[in-house]
Amino acid sequence: MISNPFTDPKWADKTLRLIDRTVGFVRDKTTRPLANLVRAIVFGVILLVAGLLIFIFGLIGLVRAFNELLDVWLTRPTAVWVSYFLLSLLFTSLGALLMRKRHQSSTNSKSK
C-alpha cells in the first residue's frame, strides 16, 4: 500500500509501480482482446478476398485452357461454345451430386 511521502523515501517508486500495475491490468483486460479481435477480422477479410480471387482466376484459366485445347481440333467459334457446354455440363453434374449429398433436416425425414 502507498505510505506517507514525508516518511518513506521510496514513495515515488511504490506509487509508480502501483500505477504501472493498474494500467497494465486494464490494458490486458480491454485493449489486447479488442486488438486481437480486430486483427482476426482483418486477416479473415484478406483471406476471403484472396480465396475468391484465386477461385475466379482459376475458373477463367480453366475456360481458357478448354478453349485452347479444343481449338486444336475445332474452329475457334465452335471450340468456344463446345468448351462452355462441357464446363456447364461438368458444373451442373457437380451441383447435382452435391445437392444429392446434402443433409436433410430432421423434420423432413420424420414426415416421410
C-alpha atoms as a PDB file:
ATOM      1  CA  MET A   1       0.000   0.000   0.000  1.00  0.00           C
ATOM      2  CA  ILE A   2       1.122   3.544  -0.557  1.00  0.00           C
ATOM      3  CA  SER A   3       2.674   5.108   2.531  1.00  0.00           C
ATOM      4  CA  ASN A   4       3.252   8.674   3.688  1.00  0.00           C
ATOM      5  CA  PRO A   5       5.528  10.563   1.241  1.00  0.00           C
ATOM      6  CA  PHE A   6       7.106  12.545   4.084  1.00  0.00           C
ATOM      7  CA  THR A   7       8.463   9.480   5.937  1.00  0.00           C
ATOM      8  CA  ASP A   8       9.091   6.973   3.107  1.00  0.00           C
ATOM      9  CA  PRO A   9      11.923   7.723   0.665  1.00  0.00           C
ATOM     10  CA  LYS A  10      10.688   5.007  -1.739  1.00  0.00           C
ATOM     11  CA  TRP A  11       7.227   6.529  -2.001  1.00  0.00           C
ATOM     12  CA  ALA A  12       7.633   7.588  -5.650  1.00  0.00           C
ATOM     13  CA  ASP A  13       8.804   4.115  -6.734  1.00  0.00           C
ATOM     14  CA  LYS A  14       5.927   2.382  -4.940  1.00  0.00           C
ATOM     15  CA  THR A  15       3.386   4.790  -6.434  1.00  0.00           C
ATOM     16  CA  LEU A  16       4.843   4.334  -9.903  1.00  0.00           C
ATOM     17  CA  ARG A  17       4.725   0.528  -9.605  1.00  0.00           C
ATOM     18  CA  LEU A  18       1.096   0.665  -8.428  1.00  0.00           C
ATOM     19  CA  ILE A  19       0.087   2.879 -11.361  1.00  0.00           C
ATOM     20  CA  ASP A  20       2.036   0.688 -13.784  1.00  0.00           C
ATOM     21  CA  ARG A  21       0.362  -2.496 -12.486  1.00  0.00           C
ATOM     22  CA  THR A  22      -3.079  -0.894 -12.680  1.00  0.00           C
ATOM     23  CA  VAL A  23      -2.583   0.388 -16.223  1.00  0.00           C
ATOM     24  CA  GLY A  24      -1.152  -2.976 -17.296  1.00  0.00           C
ATOM     25  CA  PHE A  25      -4.100  -4.827 -15.793  1.00  0.00           C
ATOM     26  CA  VAL A  26      -6.634  -2.574 -17.535  1.00  0.00           C
ATOM     27  CA  ARG A  27      -4.746  -2.850 -20.837  1.00  0.00           C
ATOM     28  CA  ASP A  28      -4.617  -6.659 -20.604  1.00  0.00           C
ATOM     29  CA  LYS A  29      -8.361  -6.855 -19.949  1.00  0.00           C
ATOM     30  CA  THR A  30      -9.538  -4.327 -22.555  1.00  0.00           C
ATOM     31  CA  THR A  31      -7.097  -3.338 -25.283  1.00  0.00           C
ATOM     32  CA  ARG A  32      -5.418  -6.664 -26.044  1.00  0.00           C
ATOM     33  CA  PRO A  33      -8.624  -8.677 -26.649  1.00  0.00           C
ATOM     34  CA  LEU A  34     -10.019  -5.883 -28.803  1.00  0.00           C
ATOM     35  CA  ALA A  35      -6.802  -5.660 -30.832  1.00  0.00           C
ATOM     36  CA  ASN A  36      -6.793  -9.443 -31.327  1.00  0.00           C
ATOM     37  CA  LEU A  37     -10.422  -9.368 -32.468  1.00  0.00           C
ATOM     38  CA  VAL A  38      -9.769  -6.595 -34.979  1.00  0.00           C
ATOM     39  CA  ARG A  39      -6.657  -8.402 -36.218  1.00  0.00           C
ATOM     40  CA  ALA A  40      -8.637 -11.617 -36.734  1.00  0.00           C
ATOM     41  CA  ILE A  41     -11.372  -9.765 -38.647  1.00  0.00           C
ATOM     42  CA  VAL A  42      -8.855  -8.027 -40.921  1.00  0.00           C
ATOM     43  CA  PHE A  43      -6.940 -11.231 -41.676  1.00  0.00           C
ATOM     44  CA  GLY A  44     -10.213 -13.082 -42.275  1.00  0.00           C
ATOM     45  CA  VAL A  45     -11.357 -10.500 -44.804  1.00  0.00           C
ATOM     46  CA  ILE A  46      -7.974 -10.605 -46.547  1.00  0.00           C
ATOM     47  CA  LEU A  47      -8.107 -14.410 -46.755  1.00  0.00           C
ATOM     48  CA  LEU A  48     -11.675 -14.320 -48.045  1.00  0.00           C
ATOM     49  CA  VAL A  49     -10.832 -11.836 -50.797  1.00  0.00           C
ATOM     50  CA  ALA A  50      -7.665 -13.735 -51.751  1.00  0.00           C
ATOM     51  CA  GLY A  51      -9.553 -17.038 -51.885  1.00  0.00           C
ATOM     52  CA  LEU A  52     -12.290 -15.527 -54.019  1.00  0.00           C
ATOM     53  CA  LEU A  53      -9.735 -14.079 -56.435  1.00  0.00           C
ATOM     54  CA  ILE A  54      -7.900 -17.400 -56.698  1.00  0.00           C
ATOM     55  CA  PHE A  55     -11.198 -19.181 -57.389  1.00  0.00           C
ATOM     56  CA  ILE A  56     -12.244 -16.675 -60.069  1.00  0.00           C
ATOM     57  CA  PHE A  57      -8.834 -16.690 -61.773  1.00  0.00           C
ATOM     58  CA  GLY A  58      -8.854 -20.486 -61.667  1.00  0.00           C
ATOM     59  CA  LEU A  59     -12.216 -20.600 -63.440  1.00  0.00           C
ATOM     60  CA  ILE A  60     -11.003 -18.130 -66.048  1.00  0.00           C
ATOM     61  CA  GLY A  61      -7.893 -20.252 -66.593  1.00  0.00           C
ATOM     62  CA  LEU A  62      -9.991 -23.415 -66.897  1.00  0.00           C
ATOM     63  CA  VAL A  63     -12.227 -21.846 -69.533  1.00  0.00           C
ATOM     64  CA  ARG A  64      -9.211 -20.525 -71.465  1.00  0.00           C
ATOM     65  CA  ALA A  65      -7.481 -23.917 -71.261  1.00  0.00           C
ATOM     66  CA  PHE A  66     -10.559 -25.680 -72.628  1.00  0.00           C
ATOM     67  CA  ASN A  67     -10.827 -23.104 -75.404  1.00  0.00           C
ATOM     68  CA  GLU A  68      -7.203 -23.589 -76.416  1.00  0.00           C
ATOM     69  CA  LEU A  69      -7.376 -27.371 -76.148  1.00  0.00           C
ATOM     70  CA  LEU A  70     -10.475 -27.621 -78.337  1.00  0.00           C
ATOM     71  CA  ASP A  71      -9.056 -25.019 -80.717  1.00  0.00           C
ATOM     72  CA  VAL A  72      -6.638 -27.706 -81.943  1.00  0.00           C
ATOM     73  CA  TRP A  73      -9.435 -29.832 -83.425  1.00  0.00           C
ATOM     74  CA  LEU A  74     -12.260 -27.335 -83.987  1.00  0.00           C
ATOM     75  CA  THR A  75     -12.663 -23.825 -85.361  1.00  0.00           C
ATOM     76  CA  ARG A  76     -12.402 -21.014 -82.835  1.00  0.00           C
ATOM     77  CA  PRO A  77     -16.153 -20.187 -82.542  1.00  0.00           C
ATOM     78  CA  THR A  78     -17.052 -23.880 -82.303  1.00  0.00           C
ATOM     79  CA  ALA A  79     -14.314 -24.518 -79.724  1.00  0.00           C
ATOM     80  CA  VAL A  80     -15.654 -21.683 -77.573  1.00  0.00           C
ATOM     81  CA  TRP A  81     -19.244 -22.873 -77.414  1.00  0.00           C
ATOM     82  CA  VAL A  82     -18.215 -26.534 -77.016  1.00  0.00           C
ATOM     83  CA  SER A  83     -15.938 -25.613 -74.108  1.00  0.00           C
ATOM     84  CA  TYR A  84     -18.767 -23.617 -72.492  1.00  0.00           C
ATOM     85  CA  PHE A  85     -21.108 -26.560 -72.971  1.00  0.00           C
ATOM     86  CA  LEU A  86     -18.650 -29.070 -71.488  1.00  0.00           C
ATOM     87  CA  LEU A  87     -17.906 -26.855 -68.470  1.00  0.00           C
ATOM     88  CA  SER A  88     -21.598 -26.222 -67.850  1.00  0.00           C
ATOM     89  CA  LEU A  89     -22.199 -29.962 -68.019  1.00  0.00           C
ATOM     90  CA  LEU A  90     -19.355 -30.521 -65.538  1.00  0.00           C
ATOM     91  CA  PHE A  91     -20.584 -27.887 -63.076  1.00  0.00           C
ATOM     92  CA  THR A  92     -24.219 -28.960 -63.388  1.00  0.00           C
ATOM     93  CA  SER A  93     -23.257 -32.563 -62.646  1.00  0.00           C
ATOM     94  CA  LEU A  94     -21.145 -31.453 -59.705  1.00  0.00           C
ATOM     95  CA  GLY A  95     -24.011 -29.324 -58.368  1.00  0.00           C
ATOM     96  CA  ALA A  96     -26.491 -32.184 -58.750  1.00  0.00           C
ATOM     97  CA  LEU A  97     -24.128 -34.528 -56.920  1.00  0.00           C
ATOM     98  CA  LEU A  98     -23.683 -32.051 -54.066  1.00  0.00           C
ATOM     99  CA  MET A  99     -27.433 -31.462 -53.832  1.00  0.00           C
ATOM    100  CA  ARG A 100     -27.975 -35.194 -53.559  1.00  0.00           C
ATOM    101  CA  LYS A 101     -25.382 -35.497 -50.777  1.00  0.00           C
ATOM    102  CA  ARG A 102     -26.715 -32.590 -48.690  1.00  0.00           C
ATOM    103  CA  HIS A 103     -28.112 -33.233 -45.221  1.00  0.00           C
ATOM    104  CA  GLN A 104     -31.855 -33.125 -44.863  1.00  0.00           C
ATOM    105  CA  SER A 105     -33.421 -31.597 -41.788  1.00  0.00           C
ATOM    106  CA  SER A 106     -34.824 -33.939 -39.142  1.00  0.00           C
ATOM    107  CA  THR A 107     -38.398 -32.659 -39.680  1.00  0.00           C
ATOM    108  CA  ASN A 108     -38.386 -33.736 -43.338  1.00  0.00           C
ATOM    109  CA  SER A 109     -37.028 -37.198 -42.571  1.00  0.00           C
ATOM    110  CA  LYS A 110     -39.655 -37.838 -39.854  1.00  0.00           C
ATOM    111  CA  SER A 111     -42.570 -36.932 -42.104  1.00  0.00           C
ATOM    112  CA  LYS A 112     -41.578 -39.422 -44.852  1.00  0.00           C
END
